[in-house]
Amino acid sequence: MTNKIRVRVVLTGRVQGVFFRGTARDVAIGLKVNGWVKNRWDRTVELVIEGEEQAVGKMVSWCRQGPAGALVTGITVTKEPFEGTFQTFKVSY
């Protein structure tokens, strides 16, 4: 039996304009997690990530640093009920 989870992540710092969303999508696809990433109006980046607990944990760990050029100064991770509604990981606009 596998343990699938869902988390919502909000990142603060220099996280917009540094290819965070595109790189996050590539990392997520490599880790086989599903969900989405988007820029928010308040200059933060938000992600919803679903998948195997270990893979989601690796994705959250990656988010703590982000791509080259990013400077993550804060991260909030909130567990949510797993839904399993995503088929892939997308950049949302």
PDB file of N, CA and C in Angstrom:
ATOM      1  N   MET A   1       0.846  -1.198   0.000  1.00  0.00           N
ATOM      2  CA  MET A   1       0.000   0.000   0.000  1.00  0.00           C
ATOM      3  C   MET A   1       0.880   1.246   0.000  1.00  0.00           C
ATOM      4  N   THR A   2       0.494   2.213  -0.799  1.00  0.00           N
ATOM      5  CA  THR A   2       1.264   3.448  -0.880  1.00  0.00           C
ATOM      6  C   THR A   2       0.606   4.534  -0.052  1.00  0.00           C
ATOM      7  N   ASN A   3       1.428   5.492   0.387  1.00  0.00           N
ATOM      8  CA  ASN A   3       0.933   6.584   1.207  1.00  0.00           C
ATOM      9  C   ASN A   3       0.971   7.865   0.393  1.00  0.00           C
ATOM     10  N   LYS A   4      -0.179   8.273  -0.128  1.00  0.00           N
ATOM     11  CA  LYS A   4      -0.253   9.480  -0.938  1.00  0.00           C
ATOM     12  C   LYS A   4      -0.735  10.636  -0.080  1.00  0.00           C
ATOM     13  N   ILE A   5      -0.108  11.794  -0.305  1.00  0.00           N
ATOM     14  CA  ILE A   5      -0.451  12.977   0.467  1.00  0.00           C
ATOM     15  C   ILE A   5      -0.608  14.179  -0.454  1.00  0.00           C
ATOM     16  N   ARG A   6      -1.135  15.247   0.128  1.00  0.00           N
ATOM     17  CA  ARG A   6      -1.306  16.523  -0.573  1.00  0.00           C
ATOM     18  C   ARG A   6      -0.860  17.633   0.365  1.00  0.00           C
ATOM     19  N   VAL A   7      -0.070  18.567  -0.167  1.00  0.00           N
ATOM     20  CA  VAL A   7       0.332  19.734   0.605  1.00  0.00           C
ATOM     21  C   VAL A   7       0.161  20.982  -0.246  1.00  0.00           C
ATOM     22  N   ARG A   8      -0.053  22.101   0.445  1.00  0.00           N
ATOM     23  CA  ARG A   8      -0.066  23.428  -0.180  1.00  0.00           C
ATOM     24  C   ARG A   8       1.151  24.157   0.367  1.00  0.00           C
ATOM     25  N   VAL A   9       1.949  24.735  -0.536  1.00  0.00           N
ATOM     26  CA  VAL A   9       3.190  25.408  -0.164  1.00  0.00           C
ATOM     27  C   VAL A   9       3.107  26.854  -0.638  1.00  0.00           C
ATOM     28  N   VAL A  10       3.450  27.793   0.244  1.00  0.00           N
ATOM     29  CA  VAL A  10       3.533  29.203  -0.129  1.00  0.00           C
ATOM     30  C   VAL A  10       4.944  29.673   0.202  1.00  0.00           C
ATOM     31  N   LEU A  11       5.599  30.280  -0.796  1.00  0.00           N
ATOM     32  CA  LEU A  11       6.990  30.705  -0.667  1.00  0.00           C
ATOM     33  C   LEU A  11       7.092  32.220  -0.762  1.00  0.00           C
ATOM     34  N   THR A  12       7.914  32.787   0.099  1.00  0.00           N
ATOM     35  CA  THR A  12       8.189  34.215   0.053  1.00  0.00           C
ATOM     36  C   THR A  12       9.660  34.430  -0.260  1.00  0.00           C
ATOM     37  N   GLY A  13       9.974  35.646  -0.668  1.00  0.00           N
ATOM     38  CA  GLY A  13      11.343  36.005  -1.009  1.00  0.00           C
ATOM     39  C   GLY A  13      11.420  36.409  -2.466  1.00  0.00           C
ATOM     40  N   ARG A  14      12.582  36.247  -3.074  1.00  0.00           N
ATOM     41  CA  ARG A  14      12.740  36.521  -4.504  1.00  0.00           C
ATOM     42  C   ARG A  14      12.388  35.227  -5.242  1.00  0.00           C
ATOM     43  N   VAL A  15      11.097  35.056  -5.478  1.00  0.00           N
ATOM     44  CA  VAL A  15      10.605  33.803  -6.057  1.00  0.00           C
ATOM     45  C   VAL A  15       9.845  34.014  -7.359  1.00  0.00           C
ATOM     46  N   GLN A  16       9.642  35.263  -7.752  1.00  0.00           N
ATOM     47  CA  GLN A  16       9.017  35.542  -9.041  1.00  0.00           C
ATOM     48  C   GLN A  16      10.071  36.145  -9.965  1.00  0.00           C
ATOM     49  N   GLY A  17       9.973  35.827 -11.253  1.00  0.00           N
ATOM     50  CA  GLY A  17      10.912  36.343 -12.233  1.00  0.00           C
ATOM     51  C   GLY A  17      12.242  35.606 -12.242  1.00  0.00           C
ATOM     52  N   VAL A  18      12.284  34.411 -11.659  1.00  0.00           N
ATOM     53  CA  VAL A  18      13.527  33.625 -11.584  1.00  0.00           C
ATOM     54  C   VAL A  18      13.308  32.204 -12.132  1.00  0.00           C
ATOM     55  N   PHE A  19      12.287  32.039 -12.978  1.00  0.00           N
ATOM     56  CA  PHE A  19      11.944  30.742 -13.592  1.00  0.00           C
ATOM     57  C   PHE A  19      11.545  29.700 -12.548  1.00  0.00           C
ATOM     58  N   PHE A  20      10.973  30.169 -11.425  1.00  0.00           N
ATOM     59  CA  PHE A  20      10.566  29.249 -10.358  1.00  0.00           C
ATOM     60  C   PHE A  20       9.497  28.290 -10.853  1.00  0.00           C
ATOM     61  N   ARG A  21       8.465  28.817 -11.511  1.00  0.00           N
ATOM     62  CA  ARG A  21       7.346  27.965 -11.918  1.00  0.00           C
ATOM     63  C   ARG A  21       7.767  26.902 -12.920  1.00  0.00           C
ATOM     64  N   GLY A  22       8.491  27.300 -13.945  1.00  0.00           N
ATOM     65  CA  GLY A  22       8.912  26.338 -14.973  1.00  0.00           C
ATOM     66  C   GLY A  22       9.846  25.279 -14.423  1.00  0.00           C
ATOM     67  N   THR A  23      10.772  25.712 -13.565  1.00  0.00           N
ATOM     68  CA  THR A  23      11.694  24.750 -12.968  1.00  0.00           C
ATOM     69  C   THR A  23      10.954  23.828 -12.006  1.00  0.00           C
ATOM     70  N   ALA A  24      10.016  24.381 -11.241  1.00  0.00           N
ATOM     71  CA  ALA A  24       9.219  23.557 -10.319  1.00  0.00           C
ATOM     72  C   ALA A  24       8.451  22.491 -11.089  1.00  0.00           C
ATOM     73  N   ARG A  25       7.893  22.873 -12.233  1.00  0.00           N
ATOM     74  CA  ARG A  25       7.173  21.892 -13.063  1.00  0.00           C
ATOM     75  C   ARG A  25       8.105  20.763 -13.488  1.00  0.00           C
ATOM     76  N   ASP A  26       9.294  21.114 -13.949  1.00  0.00           N
ATOM     77  CA  ASP A  26      10.245  20.093 -14.395  1.00  0.00           C
ATOM     78  C   ASP A  26      10.660  19.173 -13.255  1.00  0.00           C
ATOM     79  N   VAL A  27      10.923  19.745 -12.086  1.00  0.00           N
ATOM     80  CA  VAL A  27      11.309  18.942 -10.912  1.00  0.00           C
ATOM     81  C   VAL A  27      10.149  18.029 -10.512  1.00  0.00           C
ATOM     82  N   ALA A  28       8.939  18.574 -10.486  1.00  0.00           N
ATOM     83  CA  ALA A  28       7.760  17.794 -10.092  1.00  0.00           C
ATOM     84  C   ALA A  28       7.526  16.623 -11.032  1.00  0.00           C
ATOM     85  N   ILE A  29       7.662  16.862 -12.326  1.00  0.00           N
ATOM     86  CA  ILE A  29       7.468  15.785 -13.298  1.00  0.00           C
ATOM     87  C   ILE A  29       8.525  14.707 -13.084  1.00  0.00           C
ATOM     88  N   GLY A  30       9.757  15.122 -12.814  1.00  0.00           N
ATOM     89  CA  GLY A  30      10.825  14.166 -12.540  1.00  0.00           C
ATOM     90  C   GLY A  30      10.573  13.335 -11.296  1.00  0.00           C
ATOM     91  N   LEU A  31       9.923  13.943 -10.305  1.00  0.00           N
ATOM     92  CA  LEU A  31       9.607  13.240  -9.058  1.00  0.00           C
ATOM     93  C   LEU A  31       8.281  12.485  -9.131  1.00  0.00           C
ATOM     94  N   LYS A  32       7.569  12.652 -10.249  1.00  0.00           N
ATOM     95  CA  LYS A  32       6.269  11.997 -10.451  1.00  0.00           C
ATOM     96  C   LYS A  32       5.226  12.444  -9.425  1.00  0.00           C
ATOM     97  N   VAL A  33       5.217  13.758  -9.137  1.00  0.00           N
ATOM     98  CA  VAL A  33       4.153  14.327  -8.316  1.00  0.00           C
ATOM     99  C   VAL A  33       3.267  15.169  -9.217  1.00  0.00           C
ATOM    100  N   ASN A  34       2.034  15.358  -8.813  1.00  0.00           N
ATOM    101  CA  ASN A  34       1.057  16.112  -9.586  1.00  0.00           C
ATOM    102  C   ASN A  34       0.621  17.348  -8.825  1.00  0.00           C
ATOM    103  N   GLY A  35      -0.004  18.283  -9.554  1.00  0.00           N
ATOM    104  CA  GLY A  35      -0.510  19.495  -8.933  1.00  0.00           C
ATOM    105  C   GLY A  35      -0.285  20.703  -9.813  1.00  0.00           C
ATOM    106  N   TRP A  36      -0.005  21.844  -9.175  1.00  0.00           N
ATOM    107  CA  TRP A  36       0.210  23.075  -9.928  1.00  0.00           C
ATOM    108  C   TRP A  36       1.078  24.045  -9.138  1.00  0.00           C
ATOM    109  N   VAL A  37       1.583  25.050  -9.857  1.00  0.00           N
ATOM    110  CA  VAL A  37       2.363  26.134  -9.267  1.00  0.00           C
ATOM    111  C   VAL A  37       1.909  27.432  -9.920  1.00  0.00           C
ATOM    112  N   LYS A  38       1.823  28.501  -9.130  1.00  0.00           N
ATOM    113  CA  LYS A  38       1.437  29.795  -9.709  1.00  0.00           C
ATOM    114  C   LYS A  38       2.047  30.945  -8.917  1.00  0.00           C
ATOM    115  N   ASN A  39       2.209  32.070  -9.608  1.00  0.00           N
ATOM    116  CA  ASN A  39       2.571  33.317  -8.953  1.00  0.00           C
ATOM    117  C   ASN A  39       1.312  33.916  -8.355  1.00  0.00           C
ATOM    118  N   ARG A  40       1.435  34.481  -7.167  1.00  0.00           N
ATOM    119  CA  ARG A  40       0.301  35.156  -6.535  1.00  0.00           C
ATOM    120  C   ARG A  40       0.498  36.663  -6.618  1.00  0.00           C
ATOM    121  N   TRP A  41      -0.579  37.389  -6.469  1.00  0.00           N
ATOM    122  CA  TRP A  41      -0.561  38.848  -6.585  1.00  0.00           C
ATOM    123  C   TRP A  41       0.372  39.503  -5.577  1.00  0.00           C
ATOM    124  N   ASP A  42       0.608  38.841  -4.438  1.00  0.00           N
ATOM    125  CA  ASP A  42       1.434  39.431  -3.370  1.00  0.00           C
ATOM    126  C   ASP A  42       2.921  39.096  -3.515  1.00  0.00           C
ATOM    127  N   ARG A  43       3.316  38.653  -4.714  1.00  0.00           N
ATOM    128  CA  ARG A  43       4.706  38.359  -5.071  1.00  0.00           C
ATOM    129  C   ARG A  43       5.231  37.071  -4.440  1.00  0.00           C
ATOM    130  N   THR A  44       4.315  36.243  -3.939  1.00  0.00           N
ATOM    131  CA  THR A  44       4.689  34.921  -3.438  1.00  0.00           C
ATOM    132  C   THR A  44       4.431  33.892  -4.537  1.00  0.00           C
ATOM    133  N   VAL A  45       4.887  32.674  -4.319  1.00  0.00           N
ATOM    134  CA  VAL A  45       4.600  31.557  -5.222  1.00  0.00           C
ATOM    135  C   VAL A  45       3.859  30.503  -4.410  1.00  0.00           C
ATOM    136  N   GLU A  46       2.806  29.948  -4.992  1.00  0.00           N
ATOM    137  CA  GLU A  46       1.996  28.926  -4.333  1.00  0.00           C
ATOM    138  C   GLU A  46       2.036  27.649  -5.154  1.00  0.00           C
ATOM    139  N   LEU A  47       2.139  26.523  -4.465  1.00  0.00           N
ATOM    140  CA  LEU A  47       2.105  25.210  -5.110  1.00  0.00           C
ATOM    141  C   LEU A  47       1.118  24.326  -4.369  1.00  0.00           C
ATOM    142  N   VAL A  48       0.453  23.461  -5.108  1.00  0.00           N
ATOM    143  CA  VAL A  48      -0.290  22.342  -4.534  1.00  0.00           C
ATOM    144  C   VAL A  48       0.365  21.099  -5.115  1.00  0.00           C
ATOM    145  N   ILE A  49       0.792  20.205  -4.228  1.00  0.00           N
ATOM    146  CA  ILE A  49       1.558  19.027  -4.635  1.00  0.00           C
ATOM    147  C   ILE A  49       0.879  17.779  -4.091  1.00  0.00           C
ATOM    148  N   GLU A  50       0.639  16.806  -4.963  1.00  0.00           N
ATOM    149  CA  GLU A  50       0.079  15.520  -4.555  1.00  0.00           C
ATOM    150  C   GLU A  50       0.957  14.389  -5.064  1.00  0.00           C
ATOM    151  N   GLY A  51       1.060  13.337  -4.270  1.00  0.00           N
ATOM    152  CA  GLY A  51       1.784  12.159  -4.707  1.00  0.00           C
ATOM    153  C   GLY A  51       2.251  11.323  -3.544  1.00  0.00           C
ATOM    154  N   GLU A  52       3.193  10.421  -3.842  1.00  0.00           N
ATOM    155  CA  GLU A  52       3.770   9.578  -2.806  1.00  0.00           C
ATOM    156  C   GLU A  52       4.439  10.472  -1.755  1.00  0.00           C
ATOM    157  N   GLU A  53       4.281  10.110  -0.505  1.00  0.00           N
ATOM    158  CA  GLU A  53       4.777  10.949   0.591  1.00  0.00           C
ATOM    159  C   GLU A  53       6.259  11.307   0.435  1.00  0.00           C
ATOM    160  N   GLN A  54       7.090  10.336   0.069  1.00  0.00           N
ATOM    161  CA  GLN A  54       8.524  10.590  -0.065  1.00  0.00           C
ATOM    162  C   GLN A  54       8.808  11.574  -1.209  1.00  0.00           C
ATOM    163  N   ALA A  55       8.120  11.415  -2.334  1.00  0.00           N
ATOM    164  CA  ALA A  55       8.322  12.302  -3.476  1.00  0.00           C
ATOM    165  C   ALA A  55       7.838  13.717  -3.162  1.00  0.00           C
ATOM    166  N   VAL A  56       6.707  13.835  -2.483  1.00  0.00           N
ATOM    167  CA  VAL A  56       6.210  15.152  -2.082  1.00  0.00           C
ATOM    168  C   VAL A  56       7.218  15.812  -1.129  1.00  0.00           C
ATOM    169  N   GLY A  57       7.768  15.034  -0.220  1.00  0.00           N
ATOM    170  CA  GLY A  57       8.787  15.562   0.687  1.00  0.00           C
ATOM    171  C   GLY A  57      10.004  16.086  -0.060  1.00  0.00           C
ATOM    172  N   LYS A  58      10.425  15.370  -1.089  1.00  0.00           N
ATOM    173  CA  LYS A  58      11.565  15.828  -1.903  1.00  0.00           C
ATOM    174  C   LYS A  58      11.219  17.111  -2.641  1.00  0.00           C
ATOM    175  N   MET A  59       9.986  17.223  -3.113  1.00  0.00           N
ATOM    176  CA  MET A  59       9.565  18.434  -3.810  1.00  0.00           C
ATOM    177  C   MET A  59       9.549  19.620  -2.850  1.00  0.00           C
ATOM    178  N   VAL A  60       9.043  19.410  -1.658  1.00  0.00           N
ATOM    179  CA  VAL A  60       9.027  20.483  -0.654  1.00  0.00           C
ATOM    180  C   VAL A  60      10.458  20.890  -0.310  1.00  0.00           C
ATOM    181  N   SER A  61      11.353  19.934  -0.177  1.00  0.00           N
ATOM    182  CA  SER A  61      12.761  20.244   0.092  1.00  0.00           C
ATOM    183  C   SER A  61      13.356  21.085  -1.024  1.00  0.00           C
ATOM    184  N   TRP A  62      13.039  20.739  -2.270  1.00  0.00           N
ATOM    185  CA  TRP A  62      13.530  21.531  -3.393  1.00  0.00           C
ATOM    186  C   TRP A  62      12.994  22.962  -3.305  1.00  0.00           C
ATOM    187  N   CYS A  63      11.723  23.104  -2.918  1.00  0.00           N
ATOM    188  CA  CYS A  63      11.100  24.429  -2.824  1.00  0.00           C
ATOM    189  C   CYS A  63      11.826  25.333  -1.833  1.00  0.00           C
ATOM    190  N   ARG A  64      12.442  24.770  -0.817  1.00  0.00           N
ATOM    191  CA  ARG A  64      13.133  25.575   0.190  1.00  0.00           C
ATOM    192  C   ARG A  64      14.287  26.372  -0.406  1.00  0.00           C
ATOM    193  N   GLN A  65      14.828  25.916  -1.530  1.00  0.00           N
ATOM    194  CA  GLN A  65      15.912  26.634  -2.201  1.00  0.00           C
ATOM    195  C   GLN A  65      15.462  27.186  -3.547  1.00  0.00           C
ATOM    196  N   GLY A  66      14.731  26.383  -4.309  1.00  0.00           N
ATOM    197  CA  GLY A  66      14.264  26.812  -5.614  1.00  0.00           C
ATOM    198  C   GLY A  66      15.370  26.794  -6.648  1.00  0.00           C
ATOM    199  N   PRO A  67      15.097  27.383  -7.811  1.00  0.00           N
ATOM    200  CA  PRO A  67      16.082  27.399  -8.892  1.00  0.00           C
ATOM    201  C   PRO A  67      17.177  28.428  -8.623  1.00  0.00           C
ATOM    202  N   ALA A  68      18.227  28.371  -9.424  1.00  0.00           N
ATOM    203  CA  ALA A  68      19.277  29.387  -9.350  1.00  0.00           C
ATOM    204  C   ALA A  68      18.629  30.755  -9.566  1.00  0.00           C
ATOM    205  N   GLY A  69      19.011  31.720  -8.795  1.00  0.00           N
ATOM    206  CA  GLY A  69      18.436  33.056  -8.912  1.00  0.00           C
ATOM    207  C   GLY A  69      17.346  33.328  -7.897  1.00  0.00           C
ATOM    208  N   ALA A  70      16.763  32.277  -7.347  1.00  0.00           N
ATOM    209  CA  ALA A  70      15.725  32.455  -6.323  1.00  0.00           C
ATOM    210  C   ALA A  70      16.379  32.653  -4.958  1.00  0.00           C
ATOM    211  N   LEU A  71      15.674  33.360  -4.101  1.00  0.00           N
ATOM    212  CA  LEU A  71      16.087  33.502  -2.705  1.00  0.00           C
ATOM    213  C   LEU A  71      14.840  33.318  -1.848  1.00  0.00           C
ATOM    214  N   VAL A  72      14.635  32.092  -1.389  1.00  0.00           N
ATOM    215  CA  VAL A  72      13.462  31.762  -0.579  1.00  0.00           C
ATOM    216  C   VAL A  72      13.737  32.197   0.850  1.00  0.00           C
ATOM    217  N   THR A  73      12.913  33.113   1.350  1.00  0.00           N
ATOM    218  CA  THR A  73      13.097  33.599   2.718  1.00  0.00           C
ATOM    219  C   THR A  73      12.049  33.052   3.679  1.00  0.00           C
ATOM    220  N   GLY A  74      10.992  32.455   3.136  1.00  0.00           N
ATOM    221  CA  GLY A  74       9.958  31.881   3.990  1.00  0.00           C
ATOM    222  C   GLY A  74       9.198  30.799   3.254  1.00  0.00           C
ATOM    223  N   ILE A  75       8.759  29.804   4.000  1.00  0.00           N
ATOM    224  CA  ILE A  75       7.971  28.716   3.412  1.00  0.00           C
ATOM    225  C   ILE A  75       6.910  28.286   4.419  1.00  0.00           C
ATOM    226  N   THR A  76       5.691  28.154   3.920  1.00  0.00           N
ATOM    227  CA  THR A  76       4.585  27.630   4.724  1.00  0.00           C
ATOM    228  C   THR A  76       4.085  26.379   4.026  1.00  0.00           C
ATOM    229  N   VAL A  77       4.053  25.270   4.750  1.00  0.00           N
ATOM    230  CA  VAL A  77       3.580  24.001   4.204  1.00  0.00           C
ATOM    231  C   VAL A  77       2.357  23.574   4.999  1.00  0.00           C
ATOM    232  N   THR A  78       1.246  23.382   4.316  1.00  0.00           N
ATOM    233  CA  THR A  78      -0.004  22.996   4.954  1.00  0.00           C
ATOM    234  C   THR A  78      -0.474  21.675   4.368  1.00  0.00           C
ATOM    235  N   LYS A  79      -0.665  20.667   5.216  1.00  0.00           N
ATOM    236  CA  LYS A  79      -1.218  19.393   4.742  1.00  0.00           C
ATOM    237  C   LYS A  79      -2.698  19.573   4.470  1.00  0.00           C
ATOM    238  N   GLU A  80      -3.156  18.950   3.384  1.00  0.00           N
ATOM    239  CA  GLU A  80      -4.563  18.972   3.003  1.00  0.00           C
ATOM    240  C   GLU A  80      -4.998  17.547   2.703  1.00  0.00           C
ATOM    241  N   PRO A  81      -6.294  17.288   2.682  1.00  0.00           N
ATOM    242  CA  PRO A  81      -6.751  15.945   2.334  1.00  0.00           C
ATOM    243  C   PRO A  81      -6.347  15.590   0.896  1.00  0.00           C
ATOM    244  N   PHE A  82      -5.837  14.394   0.699  1.00  0.00           N
ATOM    245  CA  PHE A  82      -5.465  13.934  -0.635  1.00  0.00           C
ATOM    246  C   PHE A  82      -6.722  13.803  -1.479  1.00  0.00           C
ATOM    247  N   GLU A  83      -6.675  14.342  -2.716  1.00  0.00           N
ATOM    248  CA  GLU A  83      -7.826  14.268  -3.613  1.00  0.00           C
ATOM    249  C   GLU A  83      -7.569  13.373  -4.817  1.00  0.00           C
ATOM    250  N   GLY A  84      -6.349  13.386  -5.341  1.00  0.00           N
ATOM    251  CA  GLY A  84      -6.031  12.557  -6.498  1.00  0.00           C
ATOM    252  C   GLY A  84      -6.666  13.018  -7.786  1.00  0.00           C
ATOM    253  N   THR A  85      -6.969  14.304  -7.889  1.00  0.00           N
ATOM    254  CA  THR A  85      -7.667  14.821  -9.071  1.00  0.00           C
ATOM    255  C   THR A  85      -6.726  15.304 -10.168  1.00  0.00           C
ATOM    256  N   PHE A  86      -5.439  15.452  -9.884  1.00  0.00           N
ATOM    257  CA  PHE A  86      -4.490  15.965 -10.879  1.00  0.00           C
ATOM    258  C   PHE A  86      -3.907  14.818 -11.693  1.00  0.00           C
ATOM    259  N   GLN A  87      -3.706  15.066 -12.985  1.00  0.00           N
ATOM    260  CA  GLN A  87      -3.115  14.068 -13.875  1.00  0.00           C
ATOM    261  C   GLN A  87      -1.639  14.341 -14.142  1.00  0.00           C
ATOM    262  N   THR A  88      -1.207  15.584 -13.893  1.00  0.00           N
ATOM    263  CA  THR A  88       0.167  16.004 -14.150  1.00  0.00           C
ATOM    264  C   THR A  88       0.478  17.193 -13.248  1.00  0.00           C
ATOM    265  N   PHE A  89       1.603  17.844 -13.493  1.00  0.00           N
ATOM    266  CA  PHE A  89       1.957  19.058 -12.749  1.00  0.00           C
ATOM    267  C   PHE A  89       1.998  20.203 -13.743  1.00  0.00           C
ATOM    268  N   LYS A  90       1.237  21.262 -13.487  1.00  0.00           N
ATOM    269  CA  LYS A  90       1.082  22.346 -14.430  1.00  0.00           C
ATOM    270  C   LYS A  90       1.499  23.685 -13.830  1.00  0.00           C
ATOM    271  N   VAL A  91       1.915  24.579 -14.713  1.00  0.00           N
ATOM    272  CA  VAL A  91       2.092  25.977 -14.357  1.00  0.00           C
ATOM    273  C   VAL A  91       0.725  26.640 -14.546  1.00  0.00           C
ATOM    274  N   SER A  92       0.227  27.256 -13.491  1.00  0.00           N
ATOM    275  CA  SER A  92      -1.077  27.920 -13.536  1.00  0.00           C
ATOM    276  C   SER A  92      -0.852  29.420 -13.649  1.00  0.00           C
ATOM    277  N   TYR A  93      -1.739  30.103 -14.353  1.00  0.00           N
ATOM    278  CA  TYR A  93      -1.582  31.552 -14.553  1.00  0.00           C
ATOM    279  C   TYR A  93      -2.728  32.324 -13.961  1.00  0.00           C
TER     280      TYR A  93
END
